[in-house]
Structure formats: C-alpha cells, structure tokens
PDB file of N, CA and C in Angstrom:
ATOM      1  N   UNK A   1     135.119  71.696  -5.592  1.00  0.00           N
ATOM      2  CA  UNK A   1     135.220  72.169  -4.207  1.00  0.00           C
ATOM      3  C   UNK A   1     133.921  72.867  -3.818  1.00  0.00           C
ATOM      4  N   UNK A   2     133.331  72.417  -2.730  1.00  0.00           N
ATOM      5  CA  UNK A   2     132.081  72.996  -2.265  1.00  0.00           C
ATOM      6  C   UNK A   2     132.376  74.286  -1.505  1.00  0.00           C
ATOM      7  N   UNK A   3     131.660  75.335  -1.875  1.00  0.00           N
ATOM      8  CA  UNK A   3     131.838  76.609  -1.192  1.00  0.00           C
ATOM      9  C   UNK A   3     130.495  77.260  -0.921  1.00  0.00           C
ATOM     10  N   UNK A   4     130.383  77.880   0.245  1.00  0.00           N
ATOM     11  CA  UNK A   4     129.261  78.744   0.579  1.00  0.00           C
ATOM     12  C   UNK A   4     129.862  80.114   0.865  1.00  0.00           C
ATOM     13  N   UNK A   5     129.400  81.112   0.136  1.00  0.00           N
ATOM     14  CA  UNK A   5     129.980  82.447   0.271  1.00  0.00           C
ATOM     15  C   UNK A   5     128.887  83.442   0.632  1.00  0.00           C
ATOM     16  N   UNK A   6     129.007  84.012   1.837  1.00  0.00           N
ATOM     17  CA  UNK A   6     128.040  85.005   2.295  1.00  0.00           C
ATOM     18  C   UNK A   6     128.437  86.396   1.819  1.00  0.00           C
ATOM     19  N   UNK A   7     127.448  87.245   1.656  1.00  0.00           N
ATOM     20  CA  UNK A   7     127.676  88.646   1.325  1.00  0.00           C
ATOM     21  C   UNK A   7     126.501  89.462   1.840  1.00  0.00           C
ATOM     22  N   UNK A   8     126.688  90.784   1.848  1.00  0.00           N
ATOM     23  CA  UNK A   8     125.598  91.661   2.247  1.00  0.00           C
ATOM     24  C   UNK A   8     125.704  92.233   3.642  1.00  0.00           C
ATOM     25  N   UNK A   9     126.696  91.817   4.389  1.00  0.00           N
ATOM     26  CA  UNK A   9     126.861  92.369   5.726  1.00  0.00           C
ATOM     27  C   UNK A   9     127.342  93.803   5.675  1.00  0.00           C
ATOM     28  N   UNK A  10     127.355  94.439   6.843  1.00  0.00           N
ATOM     29  CA  UNK A  10     127.813  95.821   6.904  1.00  0.00           C
ATOM     30  C   UNK A  10     127.387  96.485   8.183  1.00  0.00           C
ATOM     31  N   UNK A  11     127.501  97.814   8.176  1.00  0.00           N
ATOM     32  CA  UNK A  11     127.144  98.636   9.328  1.00  0.00           C
ATOM     33  C   UNK A  11     125.802  99.302   9.055  1.00  0.00           C
ATOM     34  N   UNK A  12     124.898  99.197  10.021  1.00  0.00           N
ATOM     35  CA  UNK A  12     123.568  99.774   9.866  1.00  0.00           C
ATOM     36  C   UNK A  12     123.121 100.334  11.208  1.00  0.00           C
ATOM     37  N   UNK A  13     122.267 101.330  11.174  1.00  0.00           N
ATOM     38  CA  UNK A  13     121.749 101.905  12.410  1.00  0.00           C
ATOM     39  C   UNK A  13     120.605 101.065  12.964  1.00  0.00           C
ATOM     40  N   UNK A  14     120.354 101.222  14.241  1.00  0.00           N
ATOM     41  CA  UNK A  14     119.228 100.548  14.873  1.00  0.00           C
ATOM     42  C   UNK A  14     117.947 100.873  14.118  1.00  0.00           C
ATOM     43  N   UNK A  15     117.171  99.812  13.864  1.00  0.00           N
ATOM     44  CA  UNK A  15     115.933  99.967  13.118  1.00  0.00           C
ATOM     45  C   UNK A  15     116.089  99.792  11.619  1.00  0.00           C
ATOM     46  N   UNK A  16     117.316  99.686  11.162  1.00  0.00           N
ATOM     47  CA  UNK A  16     117.580  99.541   9.738  1.00  0.00           C
ATOM     48  C   UNK A  16     117.440  98.107   9.262  1.00  0.00           C
ATOM     49  N   UNK A  17     117.767  97.908   7.986  1.00  0.00           N
ATOM     50  CA  UNK A  17     117.613  96.603   7.344  1.00  0.00           C
ATOM     51  C   UNK A  17     118.869  96.229   6.573  1.00  0.00           C
ATOM     52  N   UNK A  18     119.081  94.939   6.465  1.00  0.00           N
ATOM     53  CA  UNK A  18     120.125  94.379   5.618  1.00  0.00           C
ATOM     54  C   UNK A  18     119.607  93.087   5.015  1.00  0.00           C
ATOM     55  N   UNK A  19     120.130  92.752   3.851  1.00  0.00           N
ATOM     56  CA  UNK A  19     119.799  91.477   3.217  1.00  0.00           C
ATOM     57  C   UNK A  19     121.093  90.716   2.968  1.00  0.00           C
ATOM     58  N   UNK A  20     121.212  89.583   3.634  1.00  0.00           N
ATOM     59  CA  UNK A  20     122.364  88.724   3.435  1.00  0.00           C
ATOM     60  C   UNK A  20     122.069  87.706   2.342  1.00  0.00           C
ATOM     61  N   UNK A  21     123.099  87.376   1.586  1.00  0.00           N
ATOM     62  CA  UNK A  21     123.000  86.341   0.563  1.00  0.00           C
ATOM     63  C   UNK A  21     124.057  85.283   0.825  1.00  0.00           C
ATOM     64  N   UNK A  22     123.753  84.075   0.414  1.00  0.00           N
ATOM     65  CA  UNK A  22     124.704  82.973   0.533  1.00  0.00           C
ATOM     66  C   UNK A  22     124.663  82.204  -0.784  1.00  0.00           C
ATOM     67  N   UNK A  23     125.732  82.310  -1.538  1.00  0.00           N
ATOM     68  CA  UNK A  23     125.813  81.650  -2.835  1.00  0.00           C
ATOM     69  C   UNK A  23     126.617  80.365  -2.697  1.00  0.00           C
ATOM     70  N   UNK A  24     126.044  79.292  -3.188  1.00  0.00           N
ATOM     71  CA  UNK A  24     126.699  77.983  -3.111  1.00  0.00           C
ATOM     72  C   UNK A  24     127.313  77.631  -4.450  1.00  0.00           C
ATOM     73  N   UNK A  25     128.431  76.960  -4.399  1.00  0.00           N
ATOM     74  CA  UNK A  25     129.083  76.493  -5.621  1.00  0.00           C
ATOM     75  C   UNK A  25     129.726  75.151  -5.345  1.00  0.00           C
ATOM     76  N   UNK A  26     130.021  74.438  -6.391  1.00  0.00           N
ATOM     77  CA  UNK A  26     130.664  73.143  -6.251  1.00  0.00           C
ATOM     78  C   UNK A  26     129.688  71.977  -6.275  1.00  0.00           C
ATOM     79  N   UNK A  27     128.460  72.233  -5.897  1.00  0.00           N
ATOM     80  CA  UNK A  27     127.396  71.243  -5.975  1.00  0.00           C
ATOM     81  C   UNK A  27     126.076  71.977  -5.773  1.00  0.00           C
ATOM     82  N   UNK A  28     124.998  71.330  -6.135  1.00  0.00           N
ATOM     83  CA  UNK A  28     123.698  71.938  -5.908  1.00  0.00           C
ATOM     84  C   UNK A  28     123.201  71.602  -4.501  1.00  0.00           C
ATOM     85  N   UNK A  29     122.557  72.586  -3.880  1.00  0.00           N
ATOM     86  CA  UNK A  29     121.978  72.383  -2.560  1.00  0.00           C
ATOM     87  C   UNK A  29     120.458  72.459  -2.613  1.00  0.00           C
ATOM     88  N   UNK A  30     119.897  72.255  -3.801  1.00  0.00           N
ATOM     89  CA  UNK A  30     118.456  72.388  -3.948  1.00  0.00           C
ATOM     90  C   UNK A  30     117.686  71.318  -3.166  1.00  0.00           C
ATOM     91  N   UNK A  31     118.331  70.215  -2.825  1.00  0.00           N
ATOM     92  CA  UNK A  31     117.677  69.153  -2.063  1.00  0.00           C
ATOM     93  C   UNK A  31     118.029  69.155  -0.596  1.00  0.00           C
ATOM     94  N   UNK A  32     118.591  70.260  -0.118  1.00  0.00           N
ATOM     95  CA  UNK A  32     119.131  70.345   1.232  1.00  0.00           C
ATOM     96  C   UNK A  32     118.532  71.535   1.966  1.00  0.00           C
ATOM     97  N   UNK A  33     118.200  71.334   3.228  1.00  0.00           N
ATOM     98  CA  UNK A  33     117.809  72.488   4.039  1.00  0.00           C
ATOM     99  C   UNK A  33     119.020  73.401   4.217  1.00  0.00           C
ATOM    100  N   UNK A  34     118.747  74.711   4.316  1.00  0.00           N
ATOM    101  CA  UNK A  34     119.811  75.699   4.471  1.00  0.00           C
ATOM    102  C   UNK A  34     119.511  76.557   5.691  1.00  0.00           C
ATOM    103  N   UNK A  35     120.549  76.905   6.429  1.00  0.00           N
ATOM    104  CA  UNK A  35     120.333  77.676   7.642  1.00  0.00           C
ATOM    105  C   UNK A  35     121.288  78.844   7.779  1.00  0.00           C
ATOM    106  N   UNK A  36     120.935  79.714   8.723  1.00  0.00           N
ATOM    107  CA  UNK A  36     121.786  80.834   9.112  1.00  0.00           C
ATOM    108  C   UNK A  36     122.059  80.732  10.609  1.00  0.00           C
ATOM    109  N   UNK A  37     123.297  80.977  10.975  1.00  0.00           N
ATOM    110  CA  UNK A  37     123.718  81.067  12.366  1.00  0.00           C
ATOM    111  C   UNK A  37     124.439  82.397  12.557  1.00  0.00           C
ATOM    112  N   UNK A  38     124.669  82.761  13.804  1.00  0.00           N
ATOM    113  CA  UNK A  38     125.452  83.968  14.066  1.00  0.00           C
ATOM    114  C   UNK A  38     126.276  83.777  15.325  1.00  0.00           C
ATOM    115  N   UNK A  39     127.368  84.533  15.387  1.00  0.00           N
ATOM    116  CA  UNK A  39     128.230  84.481  16.554  1.00  0.00           C
ATOM    117  C   UNK A  39     128.655  85.887  16.930  1.00  0.00           C
ATOM    118  N   UNK A  40     128.229  86.301  18.110  1.00  0.00           N
ATOM    119  CA  UNK A  40     128.611  87.607  18.638  1.00  0.00           C
ATOM    120  C   UNK A  40     129.928  87.481  19.405  1.00  0.00           C
ATOM    121  N   UNK A  41     130.650  88.576  19.563  1.00  0.00           N
ATOM    122  CA  UNK A  41     131.931  88.525  20.291  1.00  0.00           C
ATOM    123  C   UNK A  41     131.755  87.945  21.688  1.00  0.00           C
ATOM    124  N   UNK A  42     132.584  86.974  22.023  1.00  0.00           N
ATOM    125  CA  UNK A  42     132.556  86.380  23.348  1.00  0.00           C
ATOM    126  C   UNK A  42     131.419  85.408  23.586  1.00  0.00           C
ATOM    127  N   UNK A  43     130.647  85.117  22.546  1.00  0.00           N
ATOM    128  CA  UNK A  43     129.509  84.207  22.698  1.00  0.00           C
ATOM    129  C   UNK A  43     129.640  83.022  21.752  1.00  0.00           C
ATOM    130  N   UNK A  44     128.869  81.989  22.045  1.00  0.00           N
ATOM    131  CA  UNK A  44     128.847  80.820  21.186  1.00  0.00           C
ATOM    132  C   UNK A  44     127.999  81.107  19.946  1.00  0.00           C
ATOM    133  N   UNK A  45     128.287  80.359  18.908  1.00  0.00           N
ATOM    134  CA  UNK A  45     127.488  80.490  17.692  1.00  0.00           C
ATOM    135  C   UNK A  45     126.073  79.996  17.981  1.00  0.00           C
ATOM    136  N   UNK A  46     125.088  80.736  17.480  1.00  0.00           N
ATOM    137  CA  UNK A  46     123.701  80.384  17.755  1.00  0.00           C
ATOM    138  C   UNK A  46     122.888  80.322  16.474  1.00  0.00           C
ATOM    139  N   UNK A  47     121.864  79.525  16.530  1.00  0.00           N
ATOM    140  CA  UNK A  47     120.937  79.344  15.412  1.00  0.00           C
ATOM    141  C   UNK A  47     120.122  80.608  15.201  1.00  0.00           C
ATOM    142  N   UNK A  48     119.889  80.935  13.908  1.00  0.00           N
ATOM    143  CA  UNK A  48     119.056  82.086  13.566  1.00  0.00           C
ATOM    144  C   UNK A  48     117.805  81.647  12.808  1.00  0.00           C
ATOM    145  N   UNK A  49     118.009  80.892  11.709  1.00  0.00           N
ATOM    146  CA  UNK A  49     116.876  80.500  10.872  1.00  0.00           C
ATOM    147  C   UNK A  49     117.281  79.322   9.998  1.00  0.00           C
ATOM    148  N   UNK A  50     116.261  78.601   9.541  1.00  0.00           N
ATOM    149  CA  UNK A  50     116.476  77.474   8.628  1.00  0.00           C
ATOM    150  C   UNK A  50     115.283  77.395   7.690  1.00  0.00           C
ATOM    151  N   UNK A  51     115.536  76.899   6.485  1.00  0.00           N
ATOM    152  CA  UNK A  51     114.466  76.720   5.517  1.00  0.00           C
ATOM    153  C   UNK A  51     114.656  75.371   4.833  1.00  0.00           C
ATOM    154  N   UNK A  52     113.553  74.703   4.565  1.00  0.00           N
ATOM    155  CA  UNK A  52     113.658  73.365   3.986  1.00  0.00           C
ATOM    156  C   UNK A  52     114.026  73.438   2.504  1.00  0.00           C
ATOM    157  N   UNK A  53     114.186  72.288   1.895  1.00  0.00           N
ATOM    158  CA  UNK A  53     114.711  72.220   0.538  1.00  0.00           C
ATOM    159  C   UNK A  53     113.842  72.966  -0.468  1.00  0.00           C
ATOM    160  N   UNK A  54     112.540  72.976  -0.263  1.00  0.00           N
ATOM    161  CA  UNK A  54     111.641  73.595  -1.238  1.00  0.00           C
ATOM    162  C   UNK A  54     111.351  75.057  -0.921  1.00  0.00           C
ATOM    163  N   UNK A  55     111.757  75.510   0.246  1.00  0.00           N
ATOM    164  CA  UNK A  55     111.564  76.916   0.582  1.00  0.00           C
ATOM    165  C   UNK A  55     110.236  77.265   1.208  1.00  0.00           C
ATOM    166  N   UNK A  56     109.483  76.257   1.677  1.00  0.00           N
ATOM    167  CA  UNK A  56     108.147  76.552   2.214  1.00  0.00           C
ATOM    168  C   UNK A  56     108.036  76.277   3.696  1.00  0.00           C
ATOM    169  N   UNK A  57     109.130  75.884   4.336  1.00  0.00           N
ATOM    170  CA  UNK A  57     109.079  75.565   5.775  1.00  0.00           C
ATOM    171  C   UNK A  57     110.221  76.284   6.495  1.00  0.00           C
ATOM    172  N   UNK A  58     110.025  77.558   6.780  1.00  0.00           N
ATOM    173  CA  UNK A  58     111.061  78.261   7.533  1.00  0.00           C
ATOM    174  C   UNK A  58     110.837  78.158   9.044  1.00  0.00           C
ATOM    175  N   UNK A  59     111.898  78.175   9.793  1.00  0.00           N
ATOM    176  CA  UNK A  59     111.842  78.229  11.249  1.00  0.00           C
ATOM    177  C   UNK A  59     112.846  79.271  11.727  1.00  0.00           C
ATOM    178  N   UNK A  60     112.505  79.917  12.843  1.00  0.00           N
ATOM    179  CA  UNK A  60     113.326  81.018  13.324  1.00  0.00           C
ATOM    180  C   UNK A  60     113.596  80.889  14.818  1.00  0.00           C
ATOM    181  N   UNK A  61     114.728  81.444  15.231  1.00  0.00           N
ATOM    182  CA  UNK A  61     114.967  81.624  16.644  1.00  0.00           C
ATOM    183  C   UNK A  61     113.981  82.662  17.171  1.00  0.00           C
ATOM    184  N   UNK A  62     113.586  82.521  18.418  1.00  0.00           N
ATOM    185  CA  UNK A  62     112.619  83.452  19.000  1.00  0.00           C
ATOM    186  C   UNK A  62     113.119  84.894  18.943  1.00  0.00           C
ATOM    187  N   UNK A  63     114.422  85.063  19.044  1.00  0.00           N
ATOM    188  CA  UNK A  63     114.993  86.405  19.100  1.00  0.00           C
ATOM    189  C   UNK A  63     114.859  87.175  17.789  1.00  0.00           C
ATOM    190  N   UNK A  64     114.607  86.476  16.689  1.00  0.00           N
ATOM    191  CA  UNK A  64     114.521  87.158  15.399  1.00  0.00           C
ATOM    192  C   UNK A  64     113.154  86.991  14.745  1.00  0.00           C
ATOM    193  N   UNK A  65     112.291  86.208  15.345  1.00  0.00           N
ATOM    194  CA  UNK A  65     110.973  85.937  14.761  1.00  0.00           C
ATOM    195  C   UNK A  65     110.203  87.232  14.566  1.00  0.00           C
ATOM    196  N   UNK A  66     109.638  87.400  13.381  1.00  0.00           N
ATOM    197  CA  UNK A  66     108.885  88.610  13.083  1.00  0.00           C
ATOM    198  C   UNK A  66     109.725  89.726  12.499  1.00  0.00           C
ATOM    199  N   UNK A  67     111.064  89.595  12.586  1.00  0.00           N
ATOM    200  CA  UNK A  67     111.959  90.627  12.049  1.00  0.00           C
ATOM    201  C   UNK A  67     112.805  90.103  10.882  1.00  0.00           C
ATOM    202  N   UNK A  68     113.170  88.832  10.927  1.00  0.00           N
ATOM    203  CA  UNK A  68     114.016  88.239   9.894  1.00  0.00           C
ATOM    204  C   UNK A  68     113.185  87.297   9.034  1.00  0.00           C
ATOM    205  N   UNK A  69     113.568  87.196   7.755  1.00  0.00           N
ATOM    206  CA  UNK A  69     112.913  86.278   6.830  1.00  0.00           C
ATOM    207  C   UNK A  69     113.970  85.535   6.028  1.00  0.00           C
ATOM    208  N   UNK A  70     113.905  84.221   6.079  1.00  0.00           N
ATOM    209  CA  UNK A  70     114.817  83.396   5.286  1.00  0.00           C
ATOM    210  C   UNK A  70     114.087  82.948   4.025  1.00  0.00           C
ATOM    211  N   UNK A  71     114.810  82.921   2.933  1.00  0.00           N
ATOM    212  CA  UNK A  71     114.233  82.469   1.665  1.00  0.00           C
ATOM    213  C   UNK A  71     115.347  81.857   0.824  1.00  0.00           C
ATOM    214  N   UNK A  72     114.950  81.243  -0.283  1.00  0.00           N
ATOM    215  CA  UNK A  72     115.954  80.630  -1.144  1.00  0.00           C
ATOM    216  C   UNK A  72     115.501  80.658  -2.591  1.00  0.00           C
ATOM    217  N   UNK A  73     116.484  80.625  -3.477  1.00  0.00           N
ATOM    218  CA  UNK A  73     116.242  80.526  -4.915  1.00  0.00           C
ATOM    219  C   UNK A  73     117.075  79.343  -5.392  1.00  0.00           C
ATOM    220  N   UNK A  74     116.432  78.217  -5.561  1.00  0.00           N
ATOM    221  CA  UNK A  74     117.186  77.010  -5.938  1.00  0.00           C
ATOM    222  C   UNK A  74     117.771  77.119  -7.338  1.00  0.00           C
ATOM    223  N   UNK A  75     117.135  77.889  -8.182  1.00  0.00           N
ATOM    224  CA  UNK A  75     117.684  78.094  -9.529  1.00  0.00           C
ATOM    225  C   UNK A  75     119.021  78.804  -9.500  1.00  0.00           C
ATOM    226  N   UNK A  76     119.218  79.641  -8.472  1.00  0.00           N
ATOM    227  CA  UNK A  76     120.467  80.376  -8.317  1.00  0.00           C
ATOM    228  C   UNK A  76     121.377  79.754  -7.262  1.00  0.00           C
ATOM    229  N   UNK A  77     120.921  78.650  -6.660  1.00  0.00           N
ATOM    230  CA  UNK A  77     121.711  77.998  -5.612  1.00  0.00           C
ATOM    231  C   UNK A  77     122.091  78.997  -4.519  1.00  0.00           C
ATOM    232  N   UNK A  78     121.124  79.816  -4.126  1.00  0.00           N
ATOM    233  CA  UNK A  78     121.363  80.919  -3.190  1.00  0.00           C
ATOM    234  C   UNK A  78     120.280  80.945  -2.123  1.00  0.00           C
ATOM    235  N   UNK A  79     120.690  81.266  -0.908  1.00  0.00           N
ATOM    236  CA  UNK A  79     119.761  81.455   0.201  1.00  0.00           C
ATOM    237  C   UNK A  79     119.949  82.870   0.732  1.00  0.00           C
ATOM    238  N   UNK A  80     118.873  83.452   1.225  1.00  0.00           N
ATOM    239  CA  UNK A  80     118.877  84.842   1.663  1.00  0.00           C
ATOM    240  C   UNK A  80     118.401  84.944   3.112  1.00  0.00           C
ATOM    241  N   UNK A  81     118.817  86.032   3.749  1.00  0.00           N
ATOM    242  CA  UNK A  81     118.295  86.375   5.063  1.00  0.00           C
ATOM    243  C   UNK A  81     117.988  87.873   5.060  1.00  0.00           C
ATOM    244  N   UNK A  82     116.698  88.198   4.997  1.00  0.00           N
ATOM    245  CA  UNK A  82     116.268  89.587   5.080  1.00  0.00           C
ATOM    246  C   UNK A  82     116.124  89.953   6.546  1.00  0.00           C
ATOM    247  N   UNK A  83     116.843  90.970   6.971  1.00  0.00           N
ATOM    248  CA  UNK A  83     116.846  91.369   8.377  1.00  0.00           C
ATOM    249  C   UNK A  83     116.300  92.777   8.490  1.00  0.00           C
ATOM    250  N   UNK A  84     115.161  92.902   9.172  1.00  0.00           N
ATOM    251  CA  UNK A  84     114.516  94.204   9.374  1.00  0.00           C
ATOM    252  C   UNK A  84     114.501  94.553  10.853  1.00  0.00           C
ATOM    253  N   UNK A  85     114.286  95.830  11.151  1.00  0.00           N
ATOM    254  CA  UNK A  85     114.195  96.301  12.542  1.00  0.00           C
ATOM    255  C   UNK A  85     115.390  95.818  13.360  1.00  0.00           C
ATOM    256  N   UNK A  86     116.563  96.003  12.809  1.00  0.00           N
ATOM    257  CA  UNK A  86     117.767  95.501  13.447  1.00  0.00           C
ATOM    258  C   UNK A  86     118.035  96.199  14.771  1.00  0.00           C
ATOM    259  N   UNK A  87     118.597  95.427  15.706  1.00  0.00           N
ATOM    260  CA  UNK A  87     118.913  95.908  17.043  1.00  0.00           C
ATOM    261  C   UNK A  87     120.411  95.738  17.294  1.00  0.00           C
ATOM    262  N   UNK A  88     120.964  96.482  18.229  1.00  0.00           N
ATOM    263  CA  UNK A  88     122.392  96.309  18.537  1.00  0.00           C
ATOM    264  C   UNK A  88     122.743  94.869  18.905  1.00  0.00           C
ATOM    265  N   UNK A  89     121.827  94.172  19.547  1.00  0.00           N
ATOM    266  CA  UNK A  89     122.101  92.778  19.933  1.00  0.00           C
ATOM    267  C   UNK A  89     122.121  91.825  18.741  1.00  0.00           C
ATOM    268  N   UNK A  90     121.794  92.296  17.560  1.00  0.00           N
ATOM    269  CA  UNK A  90     121.933  91.485  16.351  1.00  0.00           C
ATOM    270  C   UNK A  90     123.354  91.535  15.797  1.00  0.00           C
ATOM    271  N   UNK A  91     124.197  92.378  16.366  1.00  0.00           N
ATOM    272  CA  UNK A  91     125.585  92.482  15.919  1.00  0.00           C
ATOM    273  C   UNK A  91     126.299  91.150  16.095  1.00  0.00           C
ATOM    274  N   UNK A  92     126.855  90.629  15.005  1.00  0.00           N
ATOM    275  CA  UNK A  92     127.498  89.325  15.026  1.00  0.00           C
ATOM    276  C   UNK A  92     128.085  89.035  13.650  1.00  0.00           C
ATOM    277  N   UNK A  93     128.866  87.969  13.592  1.00  0.00           N
ATOM    278  CA  UNK A  93     129.240  87.393  12.305  1.00  0.00           C
ATOM    279  C   UNK A  93     128.159  86.380  11.941  1.00  0.00           C
ATOM    280  N   UNK A  94     127.621  86.508  10.750  1.00  0.00           N
ATOM    281  CA  UNK A  94     126.535  85.639  10.296  1.00  0.00           C
ATOM    282  C   UNK A  94     127.080  84.607   9.320  1.00  0.00           C
ATOM    283  N   UNK A  95     126.718  83.355   9.571  1.00  0.00           N
ATOM    284  CA  UNK A  95     127.181  82.235   8.764  1.00  0.00           C
ATOM    285  C   UNK A  95     125.990  81.525   8.119  1.00  0.00           C
ATOM    286  N   UNK A  96     126.149  81.147   6.865  1.00  0.00           N
ATOM    287  CA  UNK A  96     125.165  80.248   6.283  1.00  0.00           C
ATOM    288  C   UNK A  96     125.740  78.840   6.309  1.00  0.00           C
ATOM    289  N   UNK A  97     124.840  77.876   6.261  1.00  0.00           N
ATOM    290  CA  UNK A  97     125.259  76.493   6.366  1.00  0.00           C
ATOM    291  C   UNK A  97     124.267  75.599   5.641  1.00  0.00           C
ATOM    292  N   UNK A  98     124.780  74.494   5.116  1.00  0.00           N
ATOM    293  CA  UNK A  98     123.953  73.494   4.447  1.00  0.00           C
ATOM    294  C   UNK A  98     123.737  72.320   5.386  1.00  0.00           C
ATOM    295  N   UNK A  99     122.486  71.926   5.534  1.00  0.00           N
ATOM    296  CA  UNK A  99     122.143  70.862   6.482  1.00  0.00           C
ATOM    297  C   UNK A  99     122.377  69.476   5.887  1.00  0.00           C
ATOM    298  N   UNK A 100     122.341  68.502   6.758  1.00  0.00           N
ATOM    299  CA  UNK A 100     122.500  67.101   6.350  1.00  0.00           C
ATOM    300  C   UNK A 100     121.180  66.498   5.904  1.00  0.00           C
ATOM    301  N   UNK A 101     120.099  67.252   5.949  1.00  0.00           N
ATOM    302  CA  UNK A 101     118.752  66.778   5.672  1.00  0.00           C
ATOM    303  C   UNK A 101     118.021  67.771   4.773  1.00  0.00           C
ATOM    304  N   UNK A 102     117.017  67.322   4.031  1.00  0.00           N
ATOM    305  CA  UNK A 102     116.204  68.264   3.252  1.00  0.00           C
ATOM    306  C   UNK A 102     115.157  68.985   4.094  1.00  0.00           C
ATOM    307  N   UNK A 103     114.965  68.514   5.319  1.00  0.00           N
ATOM    308  CA  UNK A 103     113.881  69.025   6.144  1.00  0.00           C
ATOM    309  C   UNK A 103     114.384  70.044   7.157  1.00  0.00           C
ATOM    310  N   UNK A 104     113.473  70.905   7.616  1.00  0.00           N
ATOM    311  CA  UNK A 104     113.892  72.010   8.464  1.00  0.00           C
ATOM    312  C   UNK A 104     113.415  71.911   9.913  1.00  0.00           C
ATOM    313  N   UNK A 105     112.471  71.039  10.203  1.00  0.00           N
ATOM    314  CA  UNK A 105     111.946  70.935  11.566  1.00  0.00           C
ATOM    315  C   UNK A 105     113.048  70.468  12.516  1.00  0.00           C
ATOM    316  N   UNK A 106     113.281  71.226  13.580  1.00  0.00           N
ATOM    317  CA  UNK A 106     114.268  70.886  14.614  1.00  0.00           C
ATOM    318  C   UNK A 106     115.696  70.805  14.102  1.00  0.00           C
ATOM    319  N   UNK A 107     115.964  71.432  12.983  1.00  0.00           N
ATOM    320  CA  UNK A 107     117.324  71.445  12.425  1.00  0.00           C
ATOM    321  C   UNK A 107     117.978  72.752  12.854  1.00  0.00           C
ATOM    322  N   UNK A 108     118.370  72.824  14.129  1.00  0.00           N
ATOM    323  CA  UNK A 108     118.848  74.080  14.694  1.00  0.00           C
ATOM    324  C   UNK A 108     120.135  73.932  15.501  1.00  0.00           C
ATOM    325  N   UNK A 109     120.843  72.824  15.327  1.00  0.00           N
ATOM    326  CA  UNK A 109     122.113  72.620  16.007  1.00  0.00           C
ATOM    327  C   UNK A 109     123.244  72.636  15.003  1.00  0.00           C
ATOM    328  N   UNK A 110     124.418  73.050  15.399  1.00  0.00           N
ATOM    329  CA  UNK A 110     125.557  73.054  14.482  1.00  0.00           C
ATOM    330  C   UNK A 110     125.794  71.658  13.910  1.00  0.00           C
ATOM    331  N   UNK A 111     125.566  70.648  14.707  1.00  0.00           N
ATOM    332  CA  UNK A 111     125.784  69.268  14.278  1.00  0.00           C
ATOM    333  C   UNK A 111     124.909  68.874  13.090  1.00  0.00           C
ATOM    334  N   UNK A 112     123.794  69.574  12.926  1.00  0.00           N
ATOM    335  CA  UNK A 112     122.870  69.250  11.841  1.00  0.00           C
ATOM    336  C   UNK A 112     123.383  69.698  10.479  1.00  0.00           C
ATOM    337  N   UNK A 113     124.512  70.442  10.451  1.00  0.00           N
ATOM    338  CA  UNK A 113     125.011  71.052   9.228  1.00  0.00           C
ATOM    339  C   UNK A 113     126.415  70.540   8.914  1.00  0.00           C
ATOM    340  N   UNK A 114     126.687  70.334   7.646  1.00  0.00           N
ATOM    341  CA  UNK A 114     128.001  69.816   7.282  1.00  0.00           C
ATOM    342  C   UNK A 114     128.785  70.704   6.330  1.00  0.00           C
ATOM    343  N   UNK A 115     128.211  71.792   5.862  1.00  0.00           N
ATOM    344  CA  UNK A 115     128.954  72.764   5.070  1.00  0.00           C
ATOM    345  C   UNK A 115     128.687  74.148   5.641  1.00  0.00           C
ATOM    346  N   UNK A 116     129.762  74.951   5.733  1.00  0.00           N
ATOM    347  CA  UNK A 116     129.658  76.277   6.335  1.00  0.00           C
ATOM    348  C   UNK A 116     130.360  77.322   5.467  1.00  0.00           C
ATOM    349  N   UNK A 117     129.795  78.520   5.478  1.00  0.00           N
ATOM    350  CA  UNK A 117     130.477  79.635   4.847  1.00  0.00           C
ATOM    351  C   UNK A 117     131.482  80.263   5.793  1.00  0.00           C
ATOM    352  N   UNK A 118     132.153  81.292   5.307  1.00  0.00           N
ATOM    353  CA  UNK A 118     133.209  81.932   6.091  1.00  0.00           C
ATOM    354  C   UNK A 118     132.663  83.045   6.986  1.00  0.00           C
ATOM    355  N   UNK A 119     131.435  83.447   6.751  1.00  0.00           N
ATOM    356  CA  UNK A 119     130.807  84.454   7.600  1.00  0.00           C
ATOM    357  C   UNK A 119     130.876  85.855   7.024  1.00  0.00           C
ATOM    358  N   UNK A 120     129.903  86.674   7.410  1.00  0.00           N
ATOM    359  CA  UNK A 120     129.880  88.088   7.047  1.00  0.00           C
ATOM    360  C   UNK A 120     129.486  88.890   8.282  1.00  0.00           C
ATOM    361  N   UNK A 121     130.177  90.002   8.498  1.00  0.00           N
ATOM    362  CA  UNK A 121     129.973  90.800   9.706  1.00  0.00           C
ATOM    363  C   UNK A 121     128.760  91.709   9.553  1.00  0.00           C
ATOM    364  N   UNK A 122     127.919  91.688  10.562  1.00  0.00           N
ATOM    365  CA  UNK A 122     126.801  92.625  10.664  1.00  0.00           C
ATOM    366  C   UNK A 122     126.981  93.414  11.955  1.00  0.00           C
ATOM    367  N   UNK A 123     127.008  94.727  11.820  1.00  0.00           N
ATOM    368  CA  UNK A 123     127.158  95.598  12.977  1.00  0.00           C
ATOM    369  C   UNK A 123     126.005  96.588  13.012  1.00  0.00           C
ATOM    370  N   UNK A 124     125.293  96.607  14.136  1.00  0.00           N
ATOM    371  CA  UNK A 124     124.155  97.506  14.302  1.00  0.00           C
ATOM    372  C   UNK A 124     124.527  98.549  15.344  1.00  0.00           C
ATOM    373  N   UNK A 125     124.555  99.797  14.926  1.00  0.00           N
ATOM    374  CA  UNK A 125     124.942 100.878  15.831  1.00  0.00           C
ATOM    375  C   UNK A 125     123.717 101.485  16.511  1.00  0.00           C
ATOM    376  N   UNK A 126     123.964 102.071  17.682  1.00  0.00           N
ATOM    377  CA  UNK A 126     122.867 102.696  18.432  1.00  0.00           C
ATOM    378  C   UNK A 126     122.613 104.113  17.951  1.00  0.00           C
TER     379      UNK A 126
END
C-alpha cells in the first residue's frame, strides 16, 4: 500500500519557521517529482513547491519564493519543506504529493499528481 505521511506541522508565530517532512512507503519515489500543496479554510488547494526526481530543480509559487525551500532525500524516501519567515496567510493544511513525472517544470496542477498525503496543519499566529 502506497502511503505519503506528512509531519512537522504546528502552531508558530509570525516570522517563525517550521520544517515539514513527507515520508513515503509502499514504493520508492526516487524517480518521481515530489510536490507540496496547501489549502486554507474556504479556499481551493494551491501549489506551493515541487522538486524533480534528483533534487536539483525546485520550483516555487510566487507567494513563498525566497521563504520556503523544498528538498528531498531519496535514500530515506522523504521530501521536506523548510518554511521560514512565516506569515498568517501561510496558515493552511499542507499536503505532499507524488507527481506522474520525474520532472518538475510546470508540474504545478493537482492533475499532475497521483499520490497524496493526508495533510498536516500549519497555523501562523499574529
């Protein structure tokens, strides 16, 4: 059974940092691009970041560029999202997902992904 399990969410003050992890099991995702999405209350799920299979081609949503960093450890079958300088508007449930392709360019739609985690809550207080 393929599973993606996120962890690392929580409550943090504005300007703080969190590191999310996404551990995959059931199969290896070392040949697959991996992404992060988020969904705030009352809003649609939106793209946050994606990284290609080898970990050298990250792409970010404009809203998080310069503050968030996506990375991966294929040996651990895990992808990370380092979030710095957090803002209240970053409050959302964060989901990791495995893409249908090894490449990361323009892989920013939900349709591009076929495996999803259950999500982890991130709350940024003022």
